């Protein structure tokens, strides 16, 4: 299994997406996984979506989202993807953690490292899920960011450098 990491924005206006891009300065408001499901013979998206952590066909996902970038990481994320899927598939979206990220961003602007005050213990938001998968996969020991403080732009910058050509 070769797990890829994708970045996107919705095709239609979404206030949460707009706010994430505005606060982070990112071209993408969403991070997600793409993997090839050999049972379905489809590329599937595993994502923390506003309706919950879910699995959906990539073709269906692309009907509602603009793909900003898709990267195949230098170090495989397959181990972390399995961990994240087993732990979070079917859980609710972590809205508190998402909005607590504003506190983290404010701290960065003030040259402080503040933790996310509203992070959820049982749920994740999109970039948090990707970060957890990285930390549960070998080869990412140098990526020390707290999962609940990572935003799509940070991951986008990381994978621009650390991806297969």
N, C-alpha and C. Protein backbone atom coordinates (compact mmCIF):
# COMPACT_ATOMS: atom_id res chain seq x y z
N UNK A 1 0.86 -1.18 0.00
CA UNK A 1 0.00 0.00 0.00
C UNK A 1 0.90 1.23 0.00
N UNK A 2 0.64 2.15 -0.90
CA UNK A 2 1.37 3.41 -0.93
C UNK A 2 0.40 4.53 -0.58
N UNK A 3 0.57 5.07 0.59
CA UNK A 3 -0.28 6.15 1.06
C UNK A 3 0.25 7.47 0.55
N UNK A 4 -0.63 8.27 -0.02
CA UNK A 4 -0.28 9.63 -0.45
C UNK A 4 -0.99 10.61 0.47
N UNK A 5 -0.49 11.83 0.49
CA UNK A 5 -1.11 12.89 1.27
C UNK A 5 -1.59 13.95 0.30
N UNK A 6 -2.86 14.32 0.43
CA UNK A 6 -3.44 15.32 -0.45
C UNK A 6 -3.83 16.57 0.31
N UNK A 7 -3.94 17.66 -0.46
CA UNK A 7 -4.35 18.95 0.09
C UNK A 7 -5.40 19.53 -0.85
N UNK A 8 -6.44 20.13 -0.27
CA UNK A 8 -7.54 20.60 -1.11
C UNK A 8 -8.24 21.80 -0.49
N UNK A 9 -9.14 22.35 -1.30
CA UNK A 9 -10.12 23.35 -0.87
C UNK A 9 -11.45 22.95 -1.50
N UNK A 10 -12.57 23.33 -0.89
CA UNK A 10 -13.86 22.97 -1.48
C UNK A 10 -14.13 23.80 -2.75
N UNK A 11 -14.92 23.26 -3.65
CA UNK A 11 -15.27 23.97 -4.87
C UNK A 11 -16.28 25.09 -4.61
N UNK A 12 -17.02 24.97 -3.52
CA UNK A 12 -18.01 26.00 -3.16
C UNK A 12 -17.60 26.65 -1.85
N UNK A 13 -18.06 27.86 -1.64
CA UNK A 13 -17.67 28.59 -0.43
C UNK A 13 -18.04 27.81 0.83
N UNK A 14 -17.07 27.72 1.71
CA UNK A 14 -17.25 27.09 3.01
C UNK A 14 -16.58 28.00 4.02
N UNK A 15 -17.31 28.53 5.01
CA UNK A 15 -16.73 29.50 5.93
C UNK A 15 -15.57 28.93 6.76
N UNK A 16 -15.62 27.65 7.11
CA UNK A 16 -14.53 27.06 7.88
C UNK A 16 -13.27 26.99 7.02
N UNK A 17 -13.42 26.55 5.78
CA UNK A 17 -12.30 26.50 4.86
C UNK A 17 -11.69 27.88 4.65
N UNK A 18 -12.54 28.85 4.43
CA UNK A 18 -12.08 30.23 4.23
C UNK A 18 -11.28 30.70 5.45
N UNK A 19 -11.81 30.42 6.65
CA UNK A 19 -11.14 30.85 7.88
C UNK A 19 -9.78 30.16 8.04
N UNK A 20 -9.71 28.87 7.77
CA UNK A 20 -8.45 28.13 7.88
C UNK A 20 -7.41 28.74 6.94
N UNK A 21 -7.79 29.01 5.69
CA UNK A 21 -6.85 29.59 4.73
C UNK A 21 -6.44 31.00 5.14
N UNK A 22 -7.38 31.78 5.66
CA UNK A 22 -7.10 33.15 6.07
C UNK A 22 -6.12 33.17 7.24
N UNK A 23 -6.38 32.36 8.25
CA UNK A 23 -5.56 32.34 9.46
C UNK A 23 -4.18 31.76 9.20
N UNK A 24 -4.10 30.71 8.37
CA UNK A 24 -2.82 30.04 8.15
C UNK A 24 -2.05 30.56 6.94
N UNK A 25 -2.71 31.33 6.08
CA UNK A 25 -2.06 31.80 4.87
C UNK A 25 -1.83 30.69 3.86
N UNK A 26 -2.61 29.64 3.95
CA UNK A 26 -2.42 28.46 3.11
C UNK A 26 -3.26 28.52 1.84
N UNK A 27 -2.79 27.84 0.81
CA UNK A 27 -3.57 27.65 -0.40
C UNK A 27 -4.58 26.52 -0.21
N UNK A 28 -4.34 25.69 0.80
CA UNK A 28 -5.22 24.55 1.07
C UNK A 28 -5.80 24.68 2.47
N UNK A 29 -7.03 24.24 2.61
CA UNK A 29 -7.67 24.25 3.93
C UNK A 29 -7.86 22.84 4.47
N UNK A 30 -7.47 21.84 3.71
CA UNK A 30 -7.76 20.47 4.08
C UNK A 30 -6.59 19.56 3.72
N UNK A 31 -6.27 18.63 4.62
CA UNK A 31 -5.25 17.60 4.38
C UNK A 31 -5.93 16.25 4.55
N UNK A 32 -5.53 15.28 3.74
CA UNK A 32 -6.18 13.96 3.77
C UNK A 32 -5.25 12.91 3.21
N UNK A 33 -5.64 11.66 3.34
CA UNK A 33 -4.88 10.53 2.82
C UNK A 33 -5.55 9.98 1.57
N UNK A 34 -4.72 9.49 0.65
CA UNK A 34 -5.22 8.74 -0.51
C UNK A 34 -4.49 7.41 -0.51
N UNK A 35 -5.25 6.33 -0.63
CA UNK A 35 -4.62 5.02 -0.76
C UNK A 35 -5.43 4.19 -1.75
N UNK A 36 -4.78 3.20 -2.29
CA UNK A 36 -5.43 2.31 -3.25
C UNK A 36 -6.05 1.14 -2.49
N UNK A 37 -7.37 1.01 -2.58
CA UNK A 37 -8.07 -0.09 -1.94
C UNK A 37 -8.16 -1.22 -2.96
N UNK A 38 -7.50 -2.32 -2.65
CA UNK A 38 -7.44 -3.43 -3.61
C UNK A 38 -8.73 -4.25 -3.62
N UNK A 39 -9.51 -4.20 -2.55
CA UNK A 39 -10.80 -4.89 -2.56
C UNK A 39 -11.79 -4.17 -3.47
N UNK A 40 -11.85 -2.84 -3.35
CA UNK A 40 -12.76 -2.05 -4.19
C UNK A 40 -12.16 -1.72 -5.55
N UNK A 41 -10.83 -1.86 -5.68
CA UNK A 41 -10.09 -1.45 -6.88
C UNK A 41 -10.33 0.02 -7.19
N UNK A 42 -10.24 0.82 -6.12
CA UNK A 42 -10.45 2.26 -6.21
C UNK A 42 -9.42 3.00 -5.39
N UNK A 43 -9.08 4.22 -5.81
CA UNK A 43 -8.33 5.13 -4.94
C UNK A 43 -9.33 5.72 -3.97
N UNK A 44 -9.02 5.62 -2.68
CA UNK A 44 -9.92 6.07 -1.62
C UNK A 44 -9.31 7.21 -0.83
N UNK A 45 -10.16 8.09 -0.34
CA UNK A 45 -9.76 9.20 0.52
C UNK A 45 -10.18 8.86 1.95
N UNK A 46 -9.24 8.94 2.86
CA UNK A 46 -9.51 8.80 4.28
C UNK A 46 -9.29 10.19 4.86
N UNK A 47 -10.35 10.74 5.48
CA UNK A 47 -10.27 12.14 5.88
C UNK A 47 -11.08 12.44 7.13
N UNK A 48 -10.62 13.47 7.84
CA UNK A 48 -11.40 14.05 8.92
C UNK A 48 -12.25 15.13 8.26
N UNK A 49 -13.51 14.83 8.08
CA UNK A 49 -14.47 15.68 7.37
C UNK A 49 -15.43 16.28 8.39
N UNK A 50 -16.09 17.37 8.04
CA UNK A 50 -17.02 18.00 8.97
C UNK A 50 -18.14 17.06 9.42
N UNK A 51 -18.39 15.99 8.65
CA UNK A 51 -19.40 15.00 9.04
C UNK A 51 -18.79 13.87 9.87
N UNK A 52 -17.48 13.88 10.05
CA UNK A 52 -16.80 12.85 10.83
C UNK A 52 -15.63 12.28 10.06
N UNK A 53 -14.90 11.38 10.70
CA UNK A 53 -13.75 10.75 10.06
C UNK A 53 -14.27 9.64 9.17
N UNK A 54 -14.00 9.75 7.88
CA UNK A 54 -14.67 8.86 6.93
C UNK A 54 -13.77 8.43 5.78
N UNK A 55 -14.28 7.47 5.04
CA UNK A 55 -13.64 6.92 3.87
C UNK A 55 -14.56 7.15 2.68
N UNK A 56 -14.03 7.68 1.58
CA UNK A 56 -14.85 7.96 0.40
C UNK A 56 -14.00 7.77 -0.87
N UNK A 57 -14.59 7.39 -1.99
CA UNK A 57 -13.82 7.25 -3.22
C UNK A 57 -13.22 8.59 -3.67
N UNK A 58 -12.00 8.54 -4.18
CA UNK A 58 -11.32 9.76 -4.64
C UNK A 58 -12.13 10.46 -5.73
N UNK A 59 -12.71 9.71 -6.65
CA UNK A 59 -13.50 10.33 -7.73
C UNK A 59 -14.68 11.13 -7.15
N UNK A 60 -15.32 10.61 -6.13
CA UNK A 60 -16.42 11.33 -5.47
C UNK A 60 -15.88 12.58 -4.76
N UNK A 61 -14.76 12.44 -4.09
CA UNK A 61 -14.13 13.55 -3.37
C UNK A 61 -13.81 14.70 -4.34
N UNK A 62 -13.28 14.37 -5.52
CA UNK A 62 -12.87 15.40 -6.49
C UNK A 62 -14.05 16.16 -7.08
N UNK A 63 -15.25 15.62 -7.01
CA UNK A 63 -16.43 16.34 -7.51
C UNK A 63 -16.74 17.56 -6.66
N UNK A 64 -16.35 17.55 -5.39
CA UNK A 64 -16.67 18.64 -4.48
C UNK A 64 -15.46 19.43 -4.00
N UNK A 65 -14.25 19.00 -4.42
CA UNK A 65 -13.04 19.63 -3.93
C UNK A 65 -12.03 19.88 -5.04
N UNK A 66 -11.30 21.00 -4.92
CA UNK A 66 -10.16 21.28 -5.80
C UNK A 66 -8.93 20.67 -5.15
N UNK A 67 -8.20 19.84 -5.88
CA UNK A 67 -6.94 19.31 -5.36
C UNK A 67 -5.87 20.38 -5.53
N UNK A 68 -5.26 20.78 -4.45
CA UNK A 68 -4.18 21.77 -4.48
C UNK A 68 -2.86 21.06 -4.73
N UNK A 69 -2.64 19.92 -4.08
CA UNK A 69 -1.41 19.14 -4.25
C UNK A 69 -1.65 17.73 -3.72
N UNK A 70 -0.93 16.77 -4.30
CA UNK A 70 -0.91 15.39 -3.82
C UNK A 70 0.54 14.95 -3.82
N UNK A 71 1.00 14.42 -2.69
CA UNK A 71 2.40 14.00 -2.55
C UNK A 71 2.48 12.54 -2.11
N UNK A 72 3.46 11.84 -2.65
CA UNK A 72 3.85 10.53 -2.16
C UNK A 72 5.04 10.77 -1.25
N UNK A 73 4.88 10.58 0.06
CA UNK A 73 5.97 10.87 0.99
C UNK A 73 7.19 9.98 0.75
N UNK A 74 8.37 10.53 1.05
CA UNK A 74 9.61 9.77 0.94
C UNK A 74 9.56 8.56 1.87
N UNK A 75 9.12 8.79 3.09
CA UNK A 75 8.95 7.70 4.06
C UNK A 75 7.48 7.26 4.04
N UNK A 76 7.21 5.98 3.87
CA UNK A 76 5.82 5.51 3.82
C UNK A 76 5.03 5.85 5.08
N UNK A 77 3.75 6.13 4.89
CA UNK A 77 2.85 6.43 6.00
C UNK A 77 1.88 5.28 6.29
N UNK A 78 2.11 4.15 5.69
CA UNK A 78 1.16 3.05 5.77
C UNK A 78 0.89 2.59 7.21
N UNK A 79 1.92 2.50 8.03
CA UNK A 79 1.74 2.09 9.43
C UNK A 79 0.86 3.10 10.16
N UNK A 80 1.16 4.37 9.98
CA UNK A 80 0.37 5.42 10.63
C UNK A 80 -1.04 5.51 10.10
N UNK A 81 -1.22 5.28 8.80
CA UNK A 81 -2.56 5.30 8.22
C UNK A 81 -3.44 4.23 8.88
N UNK A 82 -2.89 3.04 9.04
CA UNK A 82 -3.66 1.96 9.68
C UNK A 82 -4.03 2.34 11.12
N UNK A 83 -3.08 2.93 11.84
CA UNK A 83 -3.35 3.35 13.21
C UNK A 83 -4.49 4.38 13.25
N UNK A 84 -4.38 5.39 12.40
CA UNK A 84 -5.38 6.46 12.36
C UNK A 84 -6.74 5.91 11.96
N UNK A 85 -6.78 5.04 10.96
CA UNK A 85 -8.06 4.46 10.51
C UNK A 85 -8.71 3.65 11.63
N UNK A 86 -7.92 2.82 12.30
CA UNK A 86 -8.48 1.98 13.37
C UNK A 86 -8.98 2.82 14.54
N UNK A 87 -8.28 3.89 14.83
CA UNK A 87 -8.62 4.70 15.99
C UNK A 87 -9.77 5.68 15.73
N UNK A 88 -9.80 6.30 14.51
CA UNK A 88 -10.71 7.42 14.30
C UNK A 88 -11.84 7.19 13.30
N UNK A 89 -11.77 6.18 12.46
CA UNK A 89 -12.81 5.98 11.46
C UNK A 89 -14.17 5.87 12.15
N UNK A 90 -15.11 6.69 11.73
CA UNK A 90 -16.45 6.71 12.30
C UNK A 90 -16.63 7.67 13.46
N UNK A 91 -15.56 8.36 13.88
CA UNK A 91 -15.69 9.32 14.99
C UNK A 91 -16.08 10.69 14.45
N UNK A 92 -16.48 11.56 15.34
CA UNK A 92 -16.89 12.92 14.98
C UNK A 92 -15.66 13.79 14.67
N UNK A 93 -15.88 14.87 13.98
CA UNK A 93 -14.84 15.86 13.67
C UNK A 93 -14.52 16.66 14.92
N UNK A 94 -13.27 17.01 15.13
CA UNK A 94 -12.85 17.77 16.31
C UNK A 94 -12.93 19.27 16.04
N UNK A 95 -14.16 19.81 16.09
CA UNK A 95 -14.34 21.26 15.87
C UNK A 95 -13.65 22.08 16.95
N UNK A 96 -13.70 21.62 18.20
CA UNK A 96 -13.03 22.36 19.28
C UNK A 96 -11.55 22.47 19.01
N UNK A 97 -10.93 21.36 18.61
CA UNK A 97 -9.50 21.37 18.29
C UNK A 97 -9.18 22.28 17.12
N UNK A 98 -10.06 22.27 16.12
CA UNK A 98 -9.85 23.14 14.96
C UNK A 98 -9.83 24.61 15.38
N UNK A 99 -10.82 25.01 16.16
CA UNK A 99 -10.89 26.41 16.56
C UNK A 99 -9.86 26.75 17.63
N UNK A 100 -9.43 25.75 18.41
CA UNK A 100 -8.33 25.97 19.35
C UNK A 100 -7.03 26.25 18.62
N UNK A 101 -6.96 25.84 17.36
CA UNK A 101 -5.79 26.13 16.54
C UNK A 101 -5.57 27.62 16.34
N UNK A 102 -6.63 28.40 16.48
CA UNK A 102 -6.49 29.86 16.37
C UNK A 102 -5.60 30.37 17.50
N UNK A 103 -5.75 29.79 18.69
CA UNK A 103 -4.90 30.16 19.82
C UNK A 103 -3.44 29.81 19.52
N UNK A 104 -3.22 28.63 18.93
CA UNK A 104 -1.87 28.21 18.55
C UNK A 104 -1.28 29.19 17.55
N UNK A 105 -2.08 29.57 16.55
CA UNK A 105 -1.60 30.51 15.52
C UNK A 105 -1.28 31.88 16.13
N UNK A 106 -2.10 32.34 17.04
CA UNK A 106 -1.84 33.61 17.72
C UNK A 106 -0.52 33.53 18.48
N UNK A 107 -0.29 32.42 19.15
CA UNK A 107 0.98 32.21 19.85
C UNK A 107 2.16 32.28 18.90
N UNK A 108 2.03 31.67 17.72
CA UNK A 108 3.13 31.73 16.73
C UNK A 108 3.43 33.16 16.33
N UNK A 109 2.38 33.94 16.11
CA UNK A 109 2.58 35.34 15.72
C UNK A 109 3.31 36.12 16.81
N UNK A 110 3.07 35.73 18.08
CA UNK A 110 3.71 36.39 19.22
C UNK A 110 5.02 35.71 19.62
N UNK A 111 5.49 34.80 18.76
CA UNK A 111 6.73 34.06 19.01
C UNK A 111 6.66 33.21 20.28
N UNK A 112 5.47 32.66 20.54
CA UNK A 112 5.22 31.79 21.69
C UNK A 112 4.76 30.42 21.18
N UNK A 113 4.98 29.42 21.97
CA UNK A 113 4.51 28.08 21.61
C UNK A 113 3.40 27.71 22.59
N UNK A 114 2.16 27.91 22.15
CA UNK A 114 1.00 27.63 22.97
C UNK A 114 0.34 26.34 22.50
N UNK A 115 -0.12 25.56 23.46
CA UNK A 115 -0.86 24.33 23.15
C UNK A 115 -2.31 24.67 22.80
N UNK A 116 -2.93 23.79 22.09
CA UNK A 116 -4.32 23.95 21.70
C UNK A 116 -5.21 23.70 22.93
N UNK A 117 -5.92 24.72 23.40
CA UNK A 117 -6.70 24.56 24.64
C UNK A 117 -7.97 23.73 24.48
N UNK A 118 -8.44 23.50 23.25
CA UNK A 118 -9.71 22.81 23.04
C UNK A 118 -9.55 21.52 22.25
N UNK A 119 -8.35 20.98 22.25
CA UNK A 119 -8.14 19.73 21.49
C UNK A 119 -8.97 18.60 22.09
N UNK A 120 -9.45 17.75 21.21
CA UNK A 120 -10.27 16.62 21.65
C UNK A 120 -9.41 15.38 21.83
N UNK A 121 -9.73 14.57 22.81
CA UNK A 121 -8.97 13.35 23.06
C UNK A 121 -9.44 12.19 22.17
N UNK A 122 -10.69 12.23 21.74
CA UNK A 122 -11.26 11.11 20.97
C UNK A 122 -11.44 11.41 19.49
N UNK A 123 -11.32 12.66 19.10
CA UNK A 123 -11.59 13.08 17.73
C UNK A 123 -10.41 13.87 17.18
N UNK A 124 -10.34 13.98 15.86
CA UNK A 124 -9.26 14.73 15.22
C UNK A 124 -9.82 15.64 14.13
N UNK A 125 -9.01 16.64 13.77
CA UNK A 125 -9.27 17.42 12.57
C UNK A 125 -8.24 16.98 11.54
N UNK A 126 -8.35 17.46 10.32
CA UNK A 126 -7.63 16.88 9.18
C UNK A 126 -6.11 16.85 9.31
N UNK A 127 -5.49 17.99 9.57
CA UNK A 127 -4.03 18.01 9.62
C UNK A 127 -3.51 17.27 10.84
N UNK A 128 -4.29 17.25 11.91
CA UNK A 128 -3.93 16.50 13.10
C UNK A 128 -3.83 15.00 12.76
N UNK A 129 -4.78 14.49 11.99
CA UNK A 129 -4.77 13.07 11.60
C UNK A 129 -3.52 12.74 10.79
N UNK A 130 -3.13 13.61 9.87
CA UNK A 130 -1.93 13.37 9.06
C UNK A 130 -0.70 13.38 9.95
N UNK A 131 -0.63 14.32 10.87
CA UNK A 131 0.51 14.41 11.77
C UNK A 131 0.61 13.16 12.65
N UNK A 132 -0.50 12.68 13.16
CA UNK A 132 -0.49 11.46 13.99
C UNK A 132 0.00 10.28 13.16
N UNK A 133 -0.44 10.17 11.91
CA UNK A 133 0.02 9.09 11.04
C UNK A 133 1.53 9.19 10.82
N UNK A 134 2.03 10.39 10.67
CA UNK A 134 3.48 10.58 10.51
C UNK A 134 4.20 10.09 11.76
N UNK A 135 3.71 10.47 12.91
CA UNK A 135 4.38 10.11 14.16
C UNK A 135 4.28 8.63 14.48
N UNK A 136 3.31 7.94 13.91
CA UNK A 136 3.16 6.50 14.13
C UNK A 136 3.86 5.69 13.04
N UNK A 137 4.50 6.36 12.10
CA UNK A 137 5.22 5.68 11.01
C UNK A 137 6.72 5.90 11.18
N UNK A 138 7.53 4.89 10.87
CA UNK A 138 8.99 5.07 10.95
C UNK A 138 9.48 6.10 9.93
N UNK A 139 10.49 6.87 10.33
CA UNK A 139 11.10 7.83 9.42
C UNK A 139 10.68 9.26 9.67
N UNK A 140 9.79 9.49 10.61
CA UNK A 140 9.31 10.84 10.89
C UNK A 140 9.71 11.32 12.28
N UNK A 141 10.74 10.71 12.85
CA UNK A 141 11.16 11.06 14.21
C UNK A 141 11.55 12.53 14.34
N UNK A 142 12.00 13.15 13.26
CA UNK A 142 12.41 14.55 13.33
C UNK A 142 11.23 15.53 13.27
N UNK A 143 10.06 15.05 12.91
CA UNK A 143 8.87 15.91 12.85
C UNK A 143 8.25 15.93 14.24
N UNK A 144 8.58 16.94 15.01
CA UNK A 144 8.25 16.99 16.44
C UNK A 144 7.03 17.83 16.79
N UNK A 145 6.33 18.35 15.81
CA UNK A 145 5.18 19.22 16.09
C UNK A 145 4.09 18.47 16.84
N UNK A 146 3.42 19.16 17.73
CA UNK A 146 2.27 18.57 18.41
C UNK A 146 1.16 18.42 17.37
N UNK A 147 0.55 17.24 17.27
CA UNK A 147 -0.47 17.02 16.23
C UNK A 147 -1.60 18.05 16.26
N UNK A 148 -2.01 18.49 17.44
CA UNK A 148 -3.12 19.43 17.53
C UNK A 148 -2.72 20.87 17.24
N UNK A 149 -1.45 21.09 16.89
CA UNK A 149 -1.00 22.44 16.55
C UNK A 149 -0.59 22.57 15.08
N UNK A 150 -0.75 21.48 14.33
CA UNK A 150 -0.35 21.47 12.92
C UNK A 150 -1.51 21.92 12.05
N UNK A 151 -1.20 22.71 11.03
CA UNK A 151 -2.23 23.15 10.08
C UNK A 151 -1.87 22.67 8.68
N UNK A 152 -2.80 22.73 7.74
CA UNK A 152 -2.51 22.24 6.38
C UNK A 152 -1.29 22.90 5.73
N UNK A 153 -1.07 24.17 5.98
CA UNK A 153 0.08 24.84 5.37
C UNK A 153 1.40 24.26 5.87
N UNK A 154 1.50 23.98 7.14
CA UNK A 154 2.73 23.38 7.69
C UNK A 154 3.01 22.04 7.01
N UNK A 155 1.97 21.23 6.86
CA UNK A 155 2.14 19.93 6.22
C UNK A 155 2.46 20.08 4.73
N UNK A 156 1.80 21.02 4.08
CA UNK A 156 2.06 21.27 2.67
C UNK A 156 3.52 21.64 2.46
N UNK A 157 4.05 22.51 3.29
CA UNK A 157 5.47 22.89 3.18
C UNK A 157 6.39 21.71 3.45
N UNK A 158 6.03 20.89 4.43
CA UNK A 158 6.85 19.72 4.75
C UNK A 158 6.89 18.76 3.56
N UNK A 159 5.73 18.41 3.01
CA UNK A 159 5.69 17.44 1.93
C UNK A 159 6.20 17.98 0.61
N UNK A 160 6.23 19.29 0.43
CA UNK A 160 6.88 19.85 -0.77
C UNK A 160 8.33 19.45 -0.82
N UNK A 161 8.96 19.34 0.34
CA UNK A 161 10.37 18.99 0.45
C UNK A 161 10.57 17.49 0.56
N UNK A 162 9.70 16.81 1.28
CA UNK A 162 9.87 15.39 1.61
C UNK A 162 8.89 14.50 0.84
N UNK A 163 8.98 14.52 -0.48
CA UNK A 163 8.13 13.65 -1.29
C UNK A 163 8.94 13.02 -2.39
N UNK A 164 8.43 11.95 -2.96
CA UNK A 164 9.08 11.29 -4.09
C UNK A 164 8.82 12.08 -5.36
N UNK A 165 9.79 12.15 -6.22
CA UNK A 165 9.64 12.92 -7.46
C UNK A 165 8.67 12.28 -8.40
